[in-house]
Amino acid sequence: MRKQISLLKTVRSFLRKERGTQIVELAIALPLMLMLFGAVAEFGRFFYTYSALTNAVRGGARHACKWEKGASWTVPETARMVVYGDFSDTSKGPILPGLSTSNVVVDANGPSLNNIDSVTVRIVGYQYVPLFDLGQLTGIQSLSLKIPMNASATMHQLYNGPTAGS
């Protein structure tokens, strides 16, 4: 009987002690917090990429719609404007990794390239590659988080120059 009481006291004193509980709590909470942090960072990066693509096609369409007397634009010049942010200086590299001029499609609508009504600039086939790609980490490609992203902007020409008869 004395051994049972002694054993019972030992078990009760062991259960009352809190040594090491912080390590157990950390072991439970840390992976969840890291996953949450990674998800927030990845969403922010995705939103930044989407915004950069949208702003790039808007800038390209705006550049293509500028009308100056006797001036004309070219599709490669507009594609460089979209990809590099500048049609003449490409030394800085593309605004987003993996973006190239082959991803840019420029459609001009109007009687001629010097007399356009509107321009549509699109980015097609751009692949968003996340930092934390589950498919790459696990080796299972069906879990890949690579997402095709497309952006498009249409700008209308406000002034096409003098009309016939004026």
C-alpha atoms as a PDB file:
ATOM      1  CA  MET A   1       0.000   0.000   0.000  1.00  0.00           C
ATOM      2  CA  ARG A   2       2.840   2.350   0.824  1.00  0.00           C
ATOM      3  CA  LYS A   3       4.392   1.749  -2.572  1.00  0.00           C
ATOM      4  CA  GLN A   4       1.131   2.706  -4.291  1.00  0.00           C
ATOM      5  CA  ILE A   5       0.848   5.959  -2.327  1.00  0.00           C
ATOM      6  CA  SER A   6       4.500   6.763  -3.044  1.00  0.00           C
ATOM      7  CA  LEU A   7       3.988   6.039  -6.740  1.00  0.00           C
ATOM      8  CA  LEU A   8       0.819   8.148  -6.774  1.00  0.00           C
ATOM      9  CA  LYS A   9       2.660  11.096  -5.161  1.00  0.00           C
ATOM     10  CA  THR A  10       5.468  10.791  -7.688  1.00  0.00           C
ATOM     11  CA  VAL A  11       3.007  10.841 -10.607  1.00  0.00           C
ATOM     12  CA  ARG A  12       1.143  13.843  -9.170  1.00  0.00           C
ATOM     13  CA  SER A  13       4.325  15.842  -8.626  1.00  0.00           C
ATOM     14  CA  PHE A  14       5.460  15.014 -12.169  1.00  0.00           C
ATOM     15  CA  LEU A  15       2.178  16.269 -13.605  1.00  0.00           C
ATOM     16  CA  ARG A  16       2.387  19.532 -11.619  1.00  0.00           C
ATOM     17  CA  LYS A  17       5.806  20.458 -12.953  1.00  0.00           C
ATOM     18  CA  GLU A  18       5.817  22.622 -16.073  1.00  0.00           C
ATOM     19  CA  ARG A  19       9.410  22.214 -17.130  1.00  0.00           C
ATOM     20  CA  GLY A  20       9.699  21.798 -20.908  1.00  0.00           C
ATOM     21  CA  THR A  21       6.138  22.824 -21.789  1.00  0.00           C
ATOM     22  CA  GLN A  22       7.352  25.898 -23.677  1.00  0.00           C
ATOM     23  CA  ILE A  23       9.417  23.687 -25.983  1.00  0.00           C
ATOM     24  CA  VAL A  24       6.386  21.519 -26.708  1.00  0.00           C
ATOM     25  CA  GLU A  25       4.247  24.592 -27.419  1.00  0.00           C
ATOM     26  CA  LEU A  26       6.952  25.966 -29.701  1.00  0.00           C
ATOM     27  CA  ALA A  27       7.180  22.659 -31.542  1.00  0.00           C
ATOM     28  CA  ILE A  28       3.439  22.807 -32.210  1.00  0.00           C
ATOM     29  CA  ALA A  29       3.116  26.515 -33.047  1.00  0.00           C
ATOM     30  CA  LEU A  30       6.311  27.194 -35.032  1.00  0.00           C
ATOM     31  CA  PRO A  31       5.461  25.106 -38.146  1.00  0.00           C
ATOM     32  CA  LEU A  32       2.007  26.680 -38.292  1.00  0.00           C
ATOM     33  CA  MET A  33       3.431  30.183 -37.983  1.00  0.00           C
ATOM     34  CA  LEU A  34       6.054  29.495 -40.669  1.00  0.00           C
ATOM     35  CA  MET A  35       3.373  28.178 -43.042  1.00  0.00           C
ATOM     36  CA  LEU A  36       1.230  31.244 -42.398  1.00  0.00           C
ATOM     37  CA  PHE A  37       4.189  33.576 -42.960  1.00  0.00           C
ATOM     38  CA  GLY A  38       5.101  31.767 -46.198  1.00  0.00           C
ATOM     39  CA  ALA A  39       1.516  31.956 -47.480  1.00  0.00           C
ATOM     40  CA  VAL A  40       1.282  35.695 -46.777  1.00  0.00           C
ATOM     41  CA  ALA A  41       4.656  36.331 -48.446  1.00  0.00           C
ATOM     42  CA  GLU A  42       3.665  34.270 -51.494  1.00  0.00           C
ATOM     43  CA  PHE A  43       0.325  36.055 -51.850  1.00  0.00           C
ATOM     44  CA  GLY A  44       2.077  39.426 -51.633  1.00  0.00           C
ATOM     45  CA  ARG A  45       4.581  38.373 -54.290  1.00  0.00           C
ATOM     46  CA  PHE A  46       1.748  37.123 -56.545  1.00  0.00           C
ATOM     47  CA  PHE A  47      -0.134  40.413 -56.143  1.00  0.00           C
ATOM     48  CA  TYR A  48       3.047  42.383 -56.919  1.00  0.00           C
ATOM     49  CA  THR A  49       3.585  40.328 -60.092  1.00  0.00           C
ATOM     50  CA  TYR A  50      -0.025  40.868 -61.183  1.00  0.00           C
ATOM     51  CA  SER A  51       0.250  44.620 -60.566  1.00  0.00           C
ATOM     52  CA  ALA A  52       3.576  44.847 -62.422  1.00  0.00           C
ATOM     53  CA  LEU A  53       2.140  43.023 -65.459  1.00  0.00           C
ATOM     54  CA  THR A  54      -0.963  45.220 -65.490  1.00  0.00           C
ATOM     55  CA  ASN A  55       1.064  48.427 -65.215  1.00  0.00           C
ATOM     56  CA  ALA A  56       3.464  47.232 -67.917  1.00  0.00           C
ATOM     57  CA  VAL A  57       0.716  46.611 -70.495  1.00  0.00           C
ATOM     58  CA  ARG A  58      -0.902  49.945 -69.633  1.00  0.00           C
ATOM     59  CA  GLY A  59       2.403  51.723 -70.186  1.00  0.00           C
ATOM     60  CA  GLY A  60       2.938  49.869 -73.457  1.00  0.00           C
ATOM     61  CA  ALA A  61      -0.540  50.717 -74.721  1.00  0.00           C
ATOM     62  CA  ARG A  62      -0.105  54.339 -73.670  1.00  0.00           C
ATOM     63  CA  HIS A  63       3.239  54.483 -75.500  1.00  0.00           C
ATOM     64  CA  ALA A  64       1.723  52.973 -78.644  1.00  0.00           C
ATOM     65  CA  CYS A  65      -1.190  55.443 -78.624  1.00  0.00           C
ATOM     66  CA  LYS A  66       0.964  58.578 -78.465  1.00  0.00           C
ATOM     67  CA  TRP A  67       0.418  60.526 -81.634  1.00  0.00           C
ATOM     68  CA  GLU A  68       2.919  62.997 -82.891  1.00  0.00           C
ATOM     69  CA  LYS A  69       2.784  64.437 -86.371  1.00  0.00           C
ATOM     70  CA  GLY A  70       4.874  62.271 -88.661  1.00  0.00           C
ATOM     71  CA  ALA A  71       5.816  59.831 -85.892  1.00  0.00           C
ATOM     72  CA  SER A  72       5.069  56.133 -85.999  1.00  0.00           C
ATOM     73  CA  TRP A  73       5.603  53.316 -83.549  1.00  0.00           C
ATOM     74  CA  THR A  74       6.654  49.753 -84.023  1.00  0.00           C
ATOM     75  CA  VAL A  75       5.566  46.548 -82.337  1.00  0.00           C
ATOM     76  CA  PRO A  76       9.095  45.616 -81.134  1.00  0.00           C
ATOM     77  CA  GLU A  77       9.499  49.070 -79.594  1.00  0.00           C
ATOM     78  CA  THR A  78       6.211  48.660 -77.689  1.00  0.00           C
ATOM     79  CA  ALA A  79       7.180  45.134 -76.606  1.00  0.00           C
ATOM     80  CA  ARG A  80      10.472  46.470 -75.222  1.00  0.00           C
ATOM     81  CA  MET A  81       8.524  49.197 -73.407  1.00  0.00           C
ATOM     82  CA  VAL A  82       6.346  46.546 -71.745  1.00  0.00           C
ATOM     83  CA  VAL A  83       9.171  44.163 -70.797  1.00  0.00           C
ATOM     84  CA  TYR A  84      11.906  46.590 -69.791  1.00  0.00           C
ATOM     85  CA  GLY A  85       9.921  49.699 -68.863  1.00  0.00           C
ATOM     86  CA  ASP A  86      11.887  51.645 -71.487  1.00  0.00           C
ATOM     87  CA  PHE A  87      11.971  51.095 -75.235  1.00  0.00           C
ATOM     88  CA  SER A  88      15.573  52.237 -75.685  1.00  0.00           C
ATOM     89  CA  ASP A  89      17.463  51.078 -72.557  1.00  0.00           C
ATOM     90  CA  THR A  90      17.284  47.317 -72.014  1.00  0.00           C
ATOM     91  CA  SER A  91      20.434  47.080 -69.874  1.00  0.00           C
ATOM     92  CA  LYS A  92      18.497  46.886 -66.582  1.00  0.00           C
ATOM     93  CA  GLY A  93      16.836  43.621 -67.535  1.00  0.00           C
ATOM     94  CA  PRO A  94      13.125  42.746 -67.585  1.00  0.00           C
ATOM     95  CA  ILE A  95      10.807  44.098 -64.891  1.00  0.00           C
ATOM     96  CA  LEU A  96       9.892  40.521 -63.885  1.00  0.00           C
ATOM     97  CA  PRO A  97      11.992  37.359 -64.086  1.00  0.00           C
ATOM     98  CA  GLY A  98      11.037  35.186 -67.047  1.00  0.00           C
ATOM     99  CA  LEU A  99       9.273  37.978 -68.946  1.00  0.00           C
ATOM    100  CA  SER A 100      10.429  38.463 -72.523  1.00  0.00           C
ATOM    101  CA  THR A 101       9.310  40.311 -75.628  1.00  0.00           C
ATOM    102  CA  SER A 102       7.935  37.037 -77.018  1.00  0.00           C
ATOM    103  CA  ASN A 103       5.242  37.220 -74.293  1.00  0.00           C
ATOM    104  CA  VAL A 104       3.953  40.565 -75.629  1.00  0.00           C
ATOM    105  CA  VAL A 105       1.256  40.775 -78.317  1.00  0.00           C
ATOM    106  CA  VAL A 106       0.348  44.181 -79.773  1.00  0.00           C
ATOM    107  CA  ASP A 107      -2.828  44.628 -81.812  1.00  0.00           C
ATOM    108  CA  ALA A 108      -3.423  47.973 -83.542  1.00  0.00           C
ATOM    109  CA  ASN A 109      -6.911  48.778 -84.776  1.00  0.00           C
ATOM    110  CA  GLY A 110      -7.351  51.430 -87.419  1.00  0.00           C
ATOM    111  CA  PRO A 111      -6.938  52.187 -91.106  1.00  0.00           C
ATOM    112  CA  SER A 112      -3.127  52.163 -90.911  1.00  0.00           C
ATOM    113  CA  LEU A 113      -0.303  52.040 -88.380  1.00  0.00           C
ATOM    114  CA  ASN A 114       0.095  55.810 -88.639  1.00  0.00           C
ATOM    115  CA  ASN A 115      -3.648  56.329 -88.154  1.00  0.00           C
ATOM    116  CA  ILE A 116      -4.798  53.979 -85.404  1.00  0.00           C
ATOM    117  CA  ASP A 117      -8.033  54.117 -83.429  1.00  0.00           C
ATOM    118  CA  SER A 118      -6.978  51.906 -80.524  1.00  0.00           C
ATOM    119  CA  VAL A 119      -4.178  49.638 -79.409  1.00  0.00           C
ATOM    120  CA  THR A 120      -4.480  46.466 -77.355  1.00  0.00           C
ATOM    121  CA  VAL A 121      -1.351  45.214 -75.620  1.00  0.00           C
ATOM    122  CA  ARG A 122      -1.437  41.743 -74.062  1.00  0.00           C
ATOM    123  CA  ILE A 123       0.985  39.581 -72.124  1.00  0.00           C
ATOM    124  CA  VAL A 124       0.366  35.932 -72.884  1.00  0.00           C
ATOM    125  CA  GLY A 125       2.106  32.796 -71.719  1.00  0.00           C
ATOM    126  CA  TYR A 126       3.846  34.320 -68.711  1.00  0.00           C
ATOM    127  CA  GLN A 127       4.329  31.723 -65.971  1.00  0.00           C
ATOM    128  CA  TYR A 128       4.296  32.809 -62.312  1.00  0.00           C
ATOM    129  CA  VAL A 129       6.814  30.698 -60.401  1.00  0.00           C
ATOM    130  CA  PRO A 130       6.303  30.790 -56.618  1.00  0.00           C
ATOM    131  CA  LEU A 131       9.155  30.766 -54.121  1.00  0.00           C
ATOM    132  CA  PHE A 132       7.589  27.880 -52.211  1.00  0.00           C
ATOM    133  CA  ASP A 133       6.512  25.539 -55.020  1.00  0.00           C
ATOM    134  CA  LEU A 134       4.996  22.398 -53.499  1.00  0.00           C
ATOM    135  CA  GLY A 135       5.490  20.449 -56.716  1.00  0.00           C
ATOM    136  CA  GLN A 136       9.199  21.169 -56.742  1.00  0.00           C
ATOM    137  CA  LEU A 137       9.635  20.578 -53.002  1.00  0.00           C
ATOM    138  CA  THR A 138       7.829  17.229 -53.006  1.00  0.00           C
ATOM    139  CA  GLY A 139       8.761  16.041 -56.497  1.00  0.00           C
ATOM    140  CA  ILE A 140       5.061  15.663 -57.409  1.00  0.00           C
ATOM    141  CA  GLN A 141       4.389  17.920 -60.400  1.00  0.00           C
ATOM    142  CA  SER A 142       0.606  17.811 -59.939  1.00  0.00           C
ATOM    143  CA  LEU A 143       1.103  19.851 -56.740  1.00  0.00           C
ATOM    144  CA  SER A 144       2.958  22.589 -58.615  1.00  0.00           C
ATOM    145  CA  LEU A 145       1.756  26.117 -57.919  1.00  0.00           C
ATOM    146  CA  LYS A 146       3.004  27.584 -61.217  1.00  0.00           C
ATOM    147  CA  ILE A 147       0.210  29.743 -62.562  1.00  0.00           C
ATOM    148  CA  PRO A 148      -0.129  31.180 -66.065  1.00  0.00           C
ATOM    149  CA  MET A 149      -0.709  34.931 -65.847  1.00  0.00           C
ATOM    150  CA  ASN A 150      -2.095  37.122 -68.594  1.00  0.00           C
ATOM    151  CA  ALA A 151      -2.664  40.861 -68.661  1.00  0.00           C
ATOM    152  CA  SER A 152      -4.228  43.118 -71.238  1.00  0.00           C
ATOM    153  CA  ALA A 153      -4.899  46.820 -71.760  1.00  0.00           C
ATOM    154  CA  THR A 154      -6.627  48.725 -74.533  1.00  0.00           C
ATOM    155  CA  MET A 155      -6.064  52.423 -75.081  1.00  0.00           C
ATOM    156  CA  HIS A 156      -8.038  54.512 -77.545  1.00  0.00           C
ATOM    157  CA  GLN A 157      -6.471  57.218 -79.613  1.00  0.00           C
ATOM    158  CA  LEU A 158      -7.833  60.589 -78.556  1.00  0.00           C
ATOM    159  CA  TYR A 159      -6.634  62.465 -81.619  1.00  0.00           C
ATOM    160  CA  ASN A 160      -5.646  60.969 -84.965  1.00  0.00           C
ATOM    161  CA  GLY A 161      -4.530  64.122 -86.644  1.00  0.00           C
ATOM    162  CA  PRO A 162      -6.289  66.280 -89.195  1.00  0.00           C
ATOM    163  CA  THR A 163      -9.362  64.784 -90.801  1.00  0.00           C
ATOM    164  CA  ALA A 164      -9.991  64.773 -94.527  1.00  0.00           C
ATOM    165  CA  GLY A 165     -11.046  68.155 -95.855  1.00  0.00           C
ATOM    166  CA  SER A 166      -9.483  70.240 -93.090  1.00  0.00           C
END
